[in-house]
Protein backbone atom coordinates (compact mmCIF):
# COMPACT_ATOMS: atom_id res chain seq x y z
CA ALA A 1 54.31 16.17 12.53
CA VAL A 2 53.37 14.86 15.93
CA ALA A 3 50.33 12.55 16.05
CA GLY A 4 47.15 14.26 17.54
CA THR A 5 48.09 17.78 16.63
CA ASP A 6 45.61 20.23 14.77
CA THR A 7 47.65 19.74 11.57
CA ASP A 8 47.28 15.87 11.52
CA VAL A 9 43.61 16.26 12.25
CA ALA A 10 43.27 18.61 9.47
CA ALA A 11 45.24 16.53 7.08
CA ASP A 12 43.06 13.50 7.86
CA VAL A 13 39.77 15.48 7.46
CA GLY A 14 41.09 17.07 4.45
CA GLU A 15 41.43 13.71 2.58
CA ASN A 16 37.73 13.10 3.12
CA GLY A 17 37.09 16.46 1.41
CA THR A 18 35.72 18.27 4.36
CA ALA A 19 36.63 21.35 6.43
CA LEU A 20 40.49 21.37 6.34
CA ALA A 21 41.11 25.16 6.97
CA ALA A 22 38.38 25.42 9.60
CA ILE A 23 39.83 22.87 11.71
CA ALA A 24 43.47 23.77 11.22
CA GLY A 25 42.70 27.56 11.66
CA GLY A 26 43.83 28.32 8.05
CA ALA A 27 42.21 30.69 5.56
CA GLY A 28 40.20 28.69 2.99
CA ASP A 29 41.10 26.73 -0.01
CA GLY A 30 40.94 29.77 -2.43
CA GLN A 31 37.93 28.52 -4.45
CA GLY A 32 34.90 30.55 -5.07
CA ASP A 33 34.21 34.06 -6.12
CA ASP A 34 35.35 35.72 -2.97
CA GLY A 35 38.13 33.33 -2.11
CA ALA A 36 36.04 31.83 0.72
CA GLY A 37 35.86 28.15 0.57
CA PRO A 38 33.11 25.78 1.95
CA GLU A 39 34.84 25.65 5.30
CA GLU A 40 34.36 29.45 5.82
CA ASP A 41 30.55 28.98 5.06
CA LEU A 42 30.46 26.40 7.99
CA THR A 43 32.09 28.71 10.53
CA GLU A 44 29.59 31.44 9.69
CA THR A 45 26.44 29.34 9.31
CA GLY A 46 26.93 26.26 11.48
CA ARG A 47 24.78 24.32 9.17
CA LEU A 48 25.52 20.97 7.85
CA PHE A 49 24.29 19.10 4.87
CA LEU A 50 24.12 15.33 5.44
CA ARG A 51 23.73 12.89 2.59
CA ASN A 52 23.52 9.18 2.07
CA LEU A 53 21.10 8.80 4.90
CA SER A 54 18.59 5.98 5.30
CA PHE A 55 15.25 6.87 3.94
CA ASP A 56 13.72 5.97 7.37
CA VAL A 57 15.77 8.35 9.45
CA THR A 58 13.91 10.72 11.74
CA ASP A 59 14.59 14.15 13.14
CA ASP A 60 14.91 12.41 16.48
CA ASP A 61 17.56 10.08 15.19
CA LEU A 62 19.77 12.80 13.96
CA ARG A 63 19.17 14.90 17.07
CA LYS A 64 20.50 11.99 19.30
CA ALA A 65 23.51 11.61 16.98
CA PHE A 66 24.44 15.20 16.55
CA ALA A 67 23.55 16.69 20.01
CA ARG A 68 26.74 15.15 21.43
CA HIS A 69 28.93 17.68 19.80
CA GLY A 70 26.83 20.85 20.82
CA PRO A 71 23.28 22.29 21.03
CA LEU A 72 21.20 22.23 17.91
CA SER A 73 19.11 24.97 16.55
CA GLU A 74 17.42 23.05 13.70
CA VAL A 75 17.17 19.52 12.22
CA THR A 76 15.34 19.20 8.80
CA VAL A 77 14.64 15.99 7.04
CA PRO A 78 12.79 16.61 3.86
CA THR A 79 10.30 14.02 3.11
CA ASP A 80 8.83 12.73 -0.16
CA ALA A 81 5.19 13.81 -0.42
CA THR A 82 3.79 10.47 -1.88
CA THR A 83 5.74 7.88 0.21
CA LYS A 84 6.22 10.05 3.46
CA ARG A 85 9.55 8.87 3.91
CA GLY A 86 12.93 10.74 3.92
CA LYS A 87 14.82 11.72 0.64
CA GLY A 88 18.04 10.34 1.86
CA PHE A 89 19.44 13.74 2.98
CA ALA A 90 19.03 16.21 5.83
CA TYR A 91 20.16 19.60 7.29
CA VAL A 92 21.50 20.06 10.80
CA GLN A 93 22.11 23.45 12.17
CA TYR A 94 24.00 24.19 15.40
CA MET A 95 23.49 27.28 17.50
CA PHE A 96 27.14 27.79 17.58
CA PRO A 97 29.30 27.21 14.38
CA GLU A 98 32.26 25.77 16.26
CA HIS A 99 30.13 22.96 17.17
CA ALA A 100 29.33 22.16 13.59
CA VAL A 101 33.05 22.14 12.74
CA LYS A 102 33.71 19.59 15.45
CA ALA A 103 30.75 17.44 14.32
CA LEU A 104 31.94 17.45 10.79
CA ALA A 105 35.47 16.46 11.99
CA ALA A 106 34.06 13.65 14.16
CA LEU A 107 31.18 12.17 12.07
CA ASP A 108 31.98 12.51 8.45
CA GLY A 109 32.79 9.39 6.87
CA THR A 110 31.31 7.28 9.83
CA ILE A 111 28.70 4.67 9.65
CA PHE A 112 25.24 5.84 10.57
CA GLN A 113 22.17 3.49 10.52
CA GLY A 114 24.09 1.10 8.36
CA ARG A 115 25.17 3.77 5.80
CA LEU A 116 28.43 5.72 5.27
CA LEU A 117 27.60 9.20 6.33
CA HIS A 118 28.78 12.04 4.04
CA MET A 119 28.68 15.69 5.40
CA LEU A 120 29.21 19.02 3.71
CA PRO A 121 28.93 22.59 4.87
CA ALA A 122 25.53 23.95 3.98
CA LYS A 123 24.37 27.38 2.90
CA LEU A 124 21.59 28.96 4.77
CA PRO A 125 18.13 28.34 3.04
CA ARG A 126 16.98 31.23 0.89
CA ASP A 127 13.86 33.09 2.03
CA ARG A 128 11.08 32.02 -0.11
CA ASP A 129 7.90 34.04 -0.63
CA PRO A 130 5.01 31.79 0.81
CA GLY A 131 2.67 32.84 -2.18
CA ARG A 132 5.23 31.85 -4.79
CA PRO A 133 4.99 28.38 -6.27
CA ARG A 134 7.91 26.10 -5.15
CA GLY A 135 9.45 25.70 -8.66
CA ASP A 136 9.22 29.44 -9.39
CA ARG A 137 12.76 30.86 -8.84
CA GLY A 138 11.73 34.52 -9.49
CA GLY A 139 14.22 36.78 -11.19
CA ALA A 140 14.74 37.21 -14.95
CA ASP A 141 13.08 34.05 -15.91
CA SER A 142 9.82 34.77 -14.03
CA SER A 143 9.34 38.03 -15.92
CA PHE A 144 9.98 36.14 -19.08
CA LYS A 145 7.21 33.79 -18.25
CA ALA A 146 4.91 36.57 -17.29
CA GLU A 147 5.49 38.41 -20.77
CA LYS A 148 5.02 35.12 -22.54
CA GLU A 149 1.80 34.41 -20.97
CA ALA A 150 0.57 37.89 -21.47
CA ARG A 151 1.55 37.68 -25.24
CA GLN A 152 -0.29 34.49 -25.52
CA ARG A 153 -3.38 35.85 -23.95
CA ARG A 154 -3.43 38.79 -26.33
CA GLU A 155 -2.97 36.32 -29.40
CA ALA A 156 -5.88 34.15 -28.02
CA GLU A 157 -8.26 37.08 -28.15
CA ARG A 158 -7.74 37.78 -31.73
CA PRO A 159 -10.71 37.00 -33.94
CA VAL A 160 -8.61 35.13 -36.50
CA SER A 161 -6.51 32.52 -35.28
CA TRP A 162 -4.07 30.16 -36.83
CA ASN A 163 -6.77 27.27 -36.94
CA SER A 164 -8.93 29.20 -39.46
CA LEU A 165 -5.91 29.66 -41.76
CA PHE A 166 -4.72 26.10 -41.64
CA MET A 167 -5.22 23.94 -44.71
CA GLY A 168 -4.47 20.31 -44.91
CA ALA A 169 -2.54 18.51 -47.48
CA GLY A 170 -5.63 17.59 -49.61
CA PRO A 171 -6.93 21.25 -50.38
CA VAL A 172 -3.47 22.41 -50.90
CA GLY A 173 -2.77 19.82 -53.79
CA HIS A 174 -6.06 20.67 -55.33
CA ALA A 175 -5.92 24.37 -55.08
CA PRO A 176 -5.05 26.25 -58.37
CA ALA A 177 -1.58 28.00 -58.27
């Protein structure tokens, strides 16, 4: 192939494990339940997951670095509640998914603040009920938890509990059989 063609760019990017089909205009890698690979997620969402970031990275640092490839709609740097520092990863979302594909091709594997930047296509965040605790995922396991707690409450209200029936090793040995 001739250097500088879309096929060469896709092959180079593909070696880094990123959006091969999105850049080359192909159809996905065939992985996943619906046959859509991560590159198709990127062309739909325009959201990138960045990892191996410095713990001191800020939203502004990422905006400056990624705004060169297109307008951003959101930059999220999760922070640790105790240290108030970044967790080493972030999310960047572009207004137009094509810009995310260009940014992925241009910046994945480059050095950012002294660290090798690794980028992956990201899924859109799931909507979370604000009243639900952060660790509660809902679904089947939450109904199981609710049933278990209700059963424990009913058993705690019984007048005879296991404590009154417990016998230590001493009385058991002396009890007539």
